[in-house]
N, C-alpha and C. Protein backbone atom coordinates (compact mmCIF):
# COMPACT_ATOMS: atom_id res chain seq x y z
N UNK A 1 0.84 -1.17 0.00
CA UNK A 1 0.00 0.00 0.00
C UNK A 1 0.89 1.24 0.00
N UNK A 2 0.45 2.26 -0.70
CA UNK A 2 1.20 3.50 -0.75
C UNK A 2 0.25 4.69 -0.78
N UNK A 3 0.59 5.71 0.01
CA UNK A 3 -0.15 6.96 -0.03
C UNK A 3 0.82 8.05 -0.47
N UNK A 4 0.28 9.10 -1.06
CA UNK A 4 1.10 10.23 -1.50
C UNK A 4 0.84 11.39 -0.55
N UNK A 5 1.91 11.97 -0.02
CA UNK A 5 1.80 13.08 0.91
C UNK A 5 2.32 14.33 0.23
N UNK A 6 1.53 15.40 0.29
CA UNK A 6 1.89 16.68 -0.29
C UNK A 6 2.05 17.70 0.83
N UNK A 7 3.11 18.46 0.75
CA UNK A 7 3.42 19.46 1.76
C UNK A 7 3.34 20.86 1.17
N UNK A 8 2.93 21.84 1.96
CA UNK A 8 2.92 23.22 1.48
C UNK A 8 4.34 23.77 1.39
N UNK A 9 4.50 24.82 0.65
CA UNK A 9 5.81 25.44 0.47
C UNK A 9 6.48 25.78 1.80
N UNK A 10 5.71 26.18 2.79
CA UNK A 10 6.28 26.54 4.09
C UNK A 10 7.02 25.39 4.75
N UNK A 11 6.70 24.16 4.40
CA UNK A 11 7.34 23.00 5.04
C UNK A 11 8.52 22.44 4.26
N UNK A 12 8.67 22.77 3.00
CA UNK A 12 9.69 22.09 2.20
C UNK A 12 11.12 22.43 2.61
N UNK A 13 11.30 23.50 3.36
CA UNK A 13 12.65 23.80 3.86
C UNK A 13 13.07 22.78 4.92
N UNK A 14 12.09 22.03 5.46
CA UNK A 14 12.37 21.01 6.46
C UNK A 14 12.45 19.61 5.86
N UNK A 15 12.32 19.52 4.52
CA UNK A 15 12.33 18.22 3.85
C UNK A 15 13.35 18.17 2.71
N UNK A 16 14.38 19.00 2.81
CA UNK A 16 15.40 19.07 1.75
C UNK A 16 14.78 19.39 0.40
N UNK A 17 13.75 20.24 0.41
CA UNK A 17 13.14 20.69 -0.84
C UNK A 17 12.08 19.77 -1.42
N UNK A 18 11.77 18.69 -0.75
CA UNK A 18 10.77 17.76 -1.28
C UNK A 18 9.36 18.23 -0.92
N UNK A 19 8.53 18.39 -1.93
CA UNK A 19 7.15 18.81 -1.73
C UNK A 19 6.21 17.61 -1.63
N UNK A 20 6.64 16.47 -2.14
CA UNK A 20 5.84 15.24 -2.14
C UNK A 20 6.71 14.08 -1.66
N UNK A 21 6.08 13.15 -1.00
CA UNK A 21 6.75 11.89 -0.69
C UNK A 21 5.69 10.80 -0.54
N UNK A 22 6.11 9.57 -0.70
CA UNK A 22 5.21 8.43 -0.55
C UNK A 22 5.44 7.79 0.81
N UNK A 23 4.38 7.21 1.35
CA UNK A 23 4.46 6.54 2.64
C UNK A 23 3.64 5.26 2.57
N UNK A 24 4.02 4.29 3.37
CA UNK A 24 3.25 3.05 3.50
C UNK A 24 2.41 3.06 4.77
N UNK A 25 2.28 4.22 5.41
CA UNK A 25 1.52 4.32 6.66
C UNK A 25 0.07 3.92 6.44
N UNK A 26 -0.50 3.25 7.44
CA UNK A 26 -1.88 2.80 7.33
C UNK A 26 -2.86 3.75 8.01
N UNK A 27 -2.33 4.70 8.79
CA UNK A 27 -3.20 5.67 9.47
C UNK A 27 -2.36 6.89 9.85
N UNK A 28 -3.02 7.89 10.46
CA UNK A 28 -2.33 9.13 10.80
C UNK A 28 -1.18 8.91 11.79
N UNK A 29 -1.36 8.15 12.87
CA UNK A 29 -0.20 7.93 13.76
C UNK A 29 0.98 7.29 13.03
N UNK A 30 0.71 6.38 12.12
CA UNK A 30 1.77 5.77 11.33
C UNK A 30 2.46 6.77 10.43
N UNK A 31 1.69 7.69 9.85
CA UNK A 31 2.27 8.73 9.00
C UNK A 31 3.16 9.66 9.83
N UNK A 32 2.70 10.01 11.02
CA UNK A 32 3.51 10.87 11.90
C UNK A 32 4.81 10.16 12.26
N UNK A 33 4.76 8.86 12.54
CA UNK A 33 5.97 8.09 12.82
C UNK A 33 6.91 8.09 11.62
N UNK A 34 6.33 7.94 10.42
CA UNK A 34 7.12 7.95 9.19
C UNK A 34 7.82 9.30 9.02
N UNK A 35 7.10 10.38 9.29
CA UNK A 35 7.69 11.72 9.19
C UNK A 35 8.80 11.88 10.21
N UNK A 36 8.59 11.35 11.43
CA UNK A 36 9.63 11.40 12.47
C UNK A 36 10.94 10.80 11.96
N UNK A 37 10.84 9.66 11.29
CA UNK A 37 12.02 8.95 10.81
C UNK A 37 12.64 9.60 9.58
N UNK A 38 11.80 10.03 8.65
CA UNK A 38 12.29 10.52 7.36
C UNK A 38 12.67 12.00 7.39
N UNK A 39 11.88 12.80 8.09
CA UNK A 39 12.09 14.25 8.13
C UNK A 39 12.02 14.76 9.57
N UNK A 40 13.05 14.50 10.37
CA UNK A 40 13.00 14.94 11.77
C UNK A 40 12.80 16.45 11.93
N UNK A 41 13.33 17.24 11.03
CA UNK A 41 13.15 18.70 11.12
C UNK A 41 11.69 19.09 10.91
N UNK A 42 10.99 18.38 10.03
CA UNK A 42 9.58 18.64 9.82
C UNK A 42 8.78 18.18 11.03
N UNK A 43 9.18 17.09 11.61
CA UNK A 43 8.48 16.55 12.77
C UNK A 43 8.37 17.58 13.89
N UNK A 44 9.44 18.32 14.12
CA UNK A 44 9.41 19.33 15.18
C UNK A 44 8.48 20.48 14.85
N UNK A 45 8.16 20.67 13.59
CA UNK A 45 7.26 21.74 13.18
C UNK A 45 5.79 21.35 13.31
N UNK A 46 5.51 20.07 13.18
CA UNK A 46 4.10 19.64 13.18
C UNK A 46 3.66 19.03 14.50
N UNK A 47 4.61 18.72 15.40
CA UNK A 47 4.26 18.12 16.69
C UNK A 47 4.62 19.06 17.83
N UNK A 48 3.83 18.98 18.90
CA UNK A 48 4.11 19.79 20.08
C UNK A 48 5.10 19.07 21.00
N UNK A 49 5.36 19.64 22.17
CA UNK A 49 6.33 19.09 23.10
C UNK A 49 5.94 17.71 23.63
N UNK A 50 4.64 17.40 23.59
CA UNK A 50 4.15 16.11 24.06
C UNK A 50 4.10 15.06 22.95
N UNK A 51 4.53 15.45 21.76
CA UNK A 51 4.53 14.52 20.64
C UNK A 51 3.21 14.41 19.91
N UNK A 52 2.27 15.28 20.22
CA UNK A 52 0.96 15.28 19.55
C UNK A 52 0.99 16.26 18.39
N UNK A 53 0.18 15.96 17.38
CA UNK A 53 0.06 16.85 16.24
C UNK A 53 -0.43 18.21 16.71
N UNK A 54 0.26 19.26 16.29
CA UNK A 54 -0.15 20.61 16.69
C UNK A 54 -1.56 20.88 16.18
N UNK A 55 -2.33 21.62 16.97
CA UNK A 55 -3.74 21.82 16.60
C UNK A 55 -3.92 22.69 15.37
N UNK A 56 -2.89 23.45 14.97
CA UNK A 56 -3.03 24.28 13.78
C UNK A 56 -2.60 23.55 12.50
N UNK A 57 -2.27 22.27 12.61
CA UNK A 57 -1.95 21.47 11.43
C UNK A 57 -3.20 20.72 11.00
N UNK A 58 -3.66 20.99 9.80
CA UNK A 58 -4.84 20.33 9.26
C UNK A 58 -4.40 19.24 8.31
N UNK A 59 -5.06 18.09 8.41
CA UNK A 59 -4.75 16.94 7.56
C UNK A 59 -5.94 16.69 6.65
N UNK A 60 -5.68 16.62 5.36
CA UNK A 60 -6.72 16.33 4.38
C UNK A 60 -6.40 15.03 3.66
N UNK A 61 -7.42 14.22 3.49
CA UNK A 61 -7.31 12.96 2.76
C UNK A 61 -8.20 13.09 1.53
N UNK A 62 -7.59 13.10 0.37
CA UNK A 62 -8.36 13.27 -0.88
C UNK A 62 -9.29 14.48 -0.78
N UNK A 63 -8.74 15.60 -0.32
CA UNK A 63 -9.46 16.88 -0.18
C UNK A 63 -10.54 16.90 0.88
N UNK A 64 -10.57 15.90 1.76
CA UNK A 64 -11.55 15.82 2.85
C UNK A 64 -10.81 15.92 4.18
N UNK A 65 -11.30 16.78 5.06
CA UNK A 65 -10.69 16.95 6.38
C UNK A 65 -10.74 15.62 7.13
N UNK A 66 -9.58 15.15 7.61
CA UNK A 66 -9.52 13.85 8.27
C UNK A 66 -10.39 13.79 9.52
N UNK A 67 -10.66 14.94 10.13
CA UNK A 67 -11.52 14.96 11.33
C UNK A 67 -12.92 14.43 11.01
N UNK A 68 -13.38 14.64 9.77
CA UNK A 68 -14.71 14.18 9.38
C UNK A 68 -14.70 12.74 8.87
N UNK A 69 -13.53 12.16 8.78
CA UNK A 69 -13.38 10.77 8.34
C UNK A 69 -13.09 9.82 9.50
N UNK A 70 -12.96 10.36 10.69
CA UNK A 70 -12.66 9.54 11.86
C UNK A 70 -11.37 9.91 12.56
N UNK A 71 -10.68 10.93 12.06
CA UNK A 71 -9.45 11.38 12.71
C UNK A 71 -8.36 10.33 12.67
N UNK A 72 -7.71 10.12 13.82
CA UNK A 72 -6.59 9.18 13.89
C UNK A 72 -7.00 7.74 13.61
N UNK A 73 -8.29 7.44 13.73
CA UNK A 73 -8.73 6.07 13.49
C UNK A 73 -8.98 5.78 12.01
N UNK A 74 -8.97 6.81 11.17
CA UNK A 74 -9.20 6.59 9.74
C UNK A 74 -8.07 5.74 9.16
N UNK A 75 -8.43 4.70 8.45
CA UNK A 75 -7.45 3.82 7.79
C UNK A 75 -7.22 4.31 6.37
N UNK A 76 -5.98 4.71 6.08
CA UNK A 76 -5.65 5.14 4.73
C UNK A 76 -5.88 4.00 3.75
N UNK A 77 -6.27 4.37 2.55
CA UNK A 77 -6.48 3.42 1.46
C UNK A 77 -5.35 3.59 0.45
N UNK A 78 -5.02 2.52 -0.24
CA UNK A 78 -3.99 2.59 -1.27
C UNK A 78 -4.33 3.70 -2.26
N UNK A 79 -3.38 4.58 -2.51
CA UNK A 79 -3.58 5.66 -3.46
C UNK A 79 -4.12 6.95 -2.85
N UNK A 80 -4.46 6.94 -1.56
CA UNK A 80 -4.93 8.17 -0.92
C UNK A 80 -3.89 9.28 -1.10
N UNK A 81 -4.38 10.49 -1.24
CA UNK A 81 -3.52 11.66 -1.31
C UNK A 81 -3.74 12.48 -0.05
N UNK A 82 -2.67 12.65 0.71
CA UNK A 82 -2.72 13.32 2.00
C UNK A 82 -2.03 14.68 1.88
N UNK A 83 -2.66 15.69 2.46
CA UNK A 83 -2.06 17.02 2.50
C UNK A 83 -1.95 17.47 3.95
N UNK A 84 -0.81 18.01 4.32
CA UNK A 84 -0.61 18.63 5.62
C UNK A 84 -0.65 20.13 5.39
N UNK A 85 -1.61 20.79 6.00
CA UNK A 85 -1.81 22.22 5.77
C UNK A 85 -1.80 22.95 7.10
N UNK A 86 -0.87 23.90 7.29
CA UNK A 86 -0.91 24.69 8.52
C UNK A 86 -1.98 25.77 8.41
N UNK A 87 -2.70 25.99 9.50
CA UNK A 87 -3.66 27.09 9.54
C UNK A 87 -2.87 28.38 9.55
N UNK A 88 -3.39 29.37 8.87
CA UNK A 88 -2.73 30.66 8.81
C UNK A 88 -3.70 31.71 9.33
N UNK A 89 -3.25 32.45 10.29
CA UNK A 89 -4.07 33.52 10.85
C UNK A 89 -3.39 34.85 10.54
N UNK A 90 -4.17 35.86 10.55
CA UNK A 90 -3.57 37.16 10.27
C UNK A 90 -4.62 38.24 10.34
N UNK A 91 -4.24 39.38 9.91
CA UNK A 91 -5.15 40.52 9.94
C UNK A 91 -4.59 41.61 10.82
N UNK A 92 -5.36 42.62 10.97
CA UNK A 92 -4.93 43.73 11.80
C UNK A 92 -5.92 43.93 12.92
N UNK A 93 -5.43 44.47 13.98
CA UNK A 93 -6.29 44.71 15.14
C UNK A 93 -6.78 46.13 15.15
């Protein structure tokens, strides 16, 4: 089984310039473990001090928010396309 992971431009400086990579992870915790091993610099950007995914990191599976698919319990399917998207806030006060 293989899934394709796409990263936003803001993260590619932590992946040696790679915007896409493939993973054999079967679920979100497995993908996070894969990122820990493959891209330790990215891991520190997406996880907090307790090792949990930061709340401003959104995960999409085939353009669907993983929270609506079951979150960490969702089982990736062969060919799924996963996107890690950081929330961006801004504006003026």
